[in-house]
Amino acid sequence: MDKDQFRKAVADSRLPKAALARLYNVTRPTIYAWLDDGEPKNASLAAHAERVTRALLLAVSRRILPFPESVGPKSRAHHIERMYQALTNAK
């Protein structure tokens, strides 16, 4: 996993760690561990992490993320769940 790209995706998306954990299909402590130079534990997780990172960076470049202030918590949760579904179905 490209650490610089991962850190950029985390910072630029401005998503909470819990939302990132959902998208990466890991725990919040794992997100923190990866930020501190940890690595995915297997090739499948590494491939998924790369896919999520690319998707987040694309969403940032298209100005989908970070969410505007006008998007409320319920709507944010709904969008994050839709992103999760799209990413897990994209395997």
C-alpha atoms as a PDB file:
ATOM      1  CA  MET A   1       0.000   0.000   0.000  1.00  0.00           C
ATOM      2  CA  ASP A   2       1.303   3.443  -0.917  1.00  0.00           C
ATOM      3  CA  LYS A   3       1.550   5.192   2.464  1.00  0.00           C
ATOM      4  CA  ASP A   4       1.701   8.713   1.036  1.00  0.00           C
ATOM      5  CA  GLN A   5      -1.435   8.142  -1.037  1.00  0.00           C
ATOM      6  CA  PHE A   6      -3.199   6.557   1.941  1.00  0.00           C
ATOM      7  CA  ARG A   7      -2.329   9.493   4.209  1.00  0.00           C
ATOM      8  CA  LYS A   8      -3.425  11.967   1.518  1.00  0.00           C
ATOM      9  CA  ALA A   9      -6.760  10.150   1.100  1.00  0.00           C
ATOM     10  CA  VAL A  10      -7.328  10.167   4.866  1.00  0.00           C
ATOM     11  CA  ALA A  11      -6.426  13.837   5.251  1.00  0.00           C
ATOM     12  CA  ASP A  12      -8.113  15.203   2.131  1.00  0.00           C
ATOM     13  CA  SER A  13     -11.362  13.241   2.476  1.00  0.00           C
ATOM     14  CA  ARG A  14     -11.793  14.558   6.041  1.00  0.00           C
ATOM     15  CA  LEU A  15     -13.811  11.478   6.891  1.00  0.00           C
ATOM     16  CA  PRO A  16     -13.913  10.378  10.536  1.00  0.00           C
ATOM     17  CA  LYS A  17     -11.763   7.367  11.380  1.00  0.00           C
ATOM     18  CA  ALA A  18     -14.892   5.274  11.984  1.00  0.00           C
ATOM     19  CA  ALA A  19     -16.104   5.997   8.432  1.00  0.00           C
ATOM     20  CA  LEU A  20     -12.667   5.214   7.020  1.00  0.00           C
ATOM     21  CA  ALA A  21     -12.602   1.958   8.963  1.00  0.00           C
ATOM     22  CA  ARG A  22     -15.966   1.032   7.447  1.00  0.00           C
ATOM     23  CA  LEU A  23     -14.763   1.761   3.913  1.00  0.00           C
ATOM     24  CA  TYR A  24     -11.466  -0.089   4.391  1.00  0.00           C
ATOM     25  CA  ASN A  25     -13.328  -2.916   6.184  1.00  0.00           C
ATOM     26  CA  VAL A  26     -11.006  -2.758   9.182  1.00  0.00           C
ATOM     27  CA  THR A  27     -11.146  -1.403  12.735  1.00  0.00           C
ATOM     28  CA  ARG A  28     -10.393   2.165  13.780  1.00  0.00           C
ATOM     29  CA  PRO A  29      -7.188   1.026  15.532  1.00  0.00           C
ATOM     30  CA  THR A  30      -6.075  -0.488  12.225  1.00  0.00           C
ATOM     31  CA  ILE A  31      -6.542   2.874  10.483  1.00  0.00           C
ATOM     32  CA  TYR A  32      -4.376   4.487  13.175  1.00  0.00           C
ATOM     33  CA  ALA A  33      -1.799   1.696  12.837  1.00  0.00           C
ATOM     34  CA  TRP A  34      -1.614   2.206   9.075  1.00  0.00           C
ATOM     35  CA  LEU A  35      -1.144   5.935   9.616  1.00  0.00           C
ATOM     36  CA  ASP A  36       1.788   5.015  11.898  1.00  0.00           C
ATOM     37  CA  ASP A  37       3.455   2.927   9.152  1.00  0.00           C
ATOM     38  CA  GLY A  38       1.575  -0.326   9.653  1.00  0.00           C
ATOM     39  CA  GLU A  39       0.720  -2.473   6.633  1.00  0.00           C
ATOM     40  CA  PRO A  40      -2.271  -4.599   5.609  1.00  0.00           C
ATOM     41  CA  LYS A  41      -1.783  -8.138   6.884  1.00  0.00           C
ATOM     42  CA  ASN A  42      -2.474  -9.968   3.631  1.00  0.00           C
ATOM     43  CA  ALA A  43      -2.556  -9.444  -0.125  1.00  0.00           C
ATOM     44  CA  SER A  44      -6.347  -9.377  -0.324  1.00  0.00           C
ATOM     45  CA  LEU A  45      -6.613  -6.618   2.289  1.00  0.00           C
ATOM     46  CA  ALA A  46      -3.761  -4.709   0.644  1.00  0.00           C
ATOM     47  CA  ALA A  47      -5.566  -4.851  -2.719  1.00  0.00           C
ATOM     48  CA  HIS A  48      -8.799  -3.644  -1.119  1.00  0.00           C
ATOM     49  CA  ALA A  49      -6.928  -0.840   0.667  1.00  0.00           C
ATOM     50  CA  GLU A  50      -5.419   0.310  -2.638  1.00  0.00           C
ATOM     51  CA  ARG A  51      -8.867   0.266  -4.258  1.00  0.00           C
ATOM     52  CA  VAL A  52     -10.408   2.315  -1.428  1.00  0.00           C
ATOM     53  CA  THR A  53      -7.518   4.781  -1.429  1.00  0.00           C
ATOM     54  CA  ARG A  54      -7.856   5.341  -5.184  1.00  0.00           C
ATOM     55  CA  ALA A  55     -11.625   5.804  -4.822  1.00  0.00           C
ATOM     56  CA  LEU A  56     -11.217   8.334  -2.002  1.00  0.00           C
ATOM     57  CA  LEU A  57      -8.638  10.332  -3.944  1.00  0.00           C
ATOM     58  CA  LEU A  58     -10.909  10.311  -6.988  1.00  0.00           C
ATOM     59  CA  ALA A  59     -13.848  11.501  -4.865  1.00  0.00           C
ATOM     60  CA  VAL A  60     -11.673  14.324  -3.532  1.00  0.00           C
ATOM     61  CA  SER A  61     -10.518  15.305  -7.015  1.00  0.00           C
ATOM     62  CA  ARG A  62     -14.152  15.369  -8.181  1.00  0.00           C
ATOM     63  CA  ARG A  63     -15.091  17.445  -5.120  1.00  0.00           C
ATOM     64  CA  ILE A  64     -17.455  14.788  -3.803  1.00  0.00           C
ATOM     65  CA  LEU A  65     -15.352  14.695  -0.643  1.00  0.00           C
ATOM     66  CA  PRO A  66     -15.008  16.236   1.801  1.00  0.00           C
ATOM     67  CA  PHE A  67     -18.735  16.459   2.335  1.00  0.00           C
ATOM     68  CA  PRO A  68     -20.087  20.001   2.344  1.00  0.00           C
ATOM     69  CA  GLU A  69     -21.232  21.357   5.710  1.00  0.00           C
ATOM     70  CA  SER A  70     -24.822  21.227   4.403  1.00  0.00           C
ATOM     71  CA  VAL A  71     -24.724  17.410   4.347  1.00  0.00           C
ATOM     72  CA  GLY A  72     -26.069  16.215   7.689  1.00  0.00           C
ATOM     73  CA  PRO A  73     -24.930  13.201   9.731  1.00  0.00           C
ATOM     74  CA  LYS A  74     -27.666  10.857   8.485  1.00  0.00           C
ATOM     75  CA  SER A  75     -26.978  11.739   4.881  1.00  0.00           C
ATOM     76  CA  ARG A  76     -23.227  11.331   5.424  1.00  0.00           C
ATOM     77  CA  ALA A  77     -23.795   7.886   6.922  1.00  0.00           C
ATOM     78  CA  HIS A  78     -25.986   6.961   3.964  1.00  0.00           C
ATOM     79  CA  HIS A  79     -23.334   8.125   1.449  1.00  0.00           C
ATOM     80  CA  ILE A  80     -20.579   6.268   3.304  1.00  0.00           C
ATOM     81  CA  GLU A  81     -22.651   3.091   3.300  1.00  0.00           C
ATOM     82  CA  ARG A  82     -23.241   3.460  -0.452  1.00  0.00           C
ATOM     83  CA  MET A  83     -19.499   3.940  -0.993  1.00  0.00           C
ATOM     84  CA  TYR A  84     -18.836   0.834   1.104  1.00  0.00           C
ATOM     85  CA  GLN A  85     -21.309  -1.210  -0.954  1.00  0.00           C
ATOM     86  CA  ALA A  86     -19.821   0.030  -4.238  1.00  0.00           C
ATOM     87  CA  LEU A  87     -16.280  -0.741  -3.094  1.00  0.00           C
ATOM     88  CA  THR A  88     -17.064  -4.217  -1.797  1.00  0.00           C
ATOM     89  CA  ASN A  89     -19.011  -5.068  -4.964  1.00  0.00           C
ATOM     90  CA  ALA A  90     -16.137  -3.836  -7.156  1.00  0.00           C
ATOM     91  CA  LYS A  91     -13.848  -6.752  -6.280  1.00  0.00           C
END
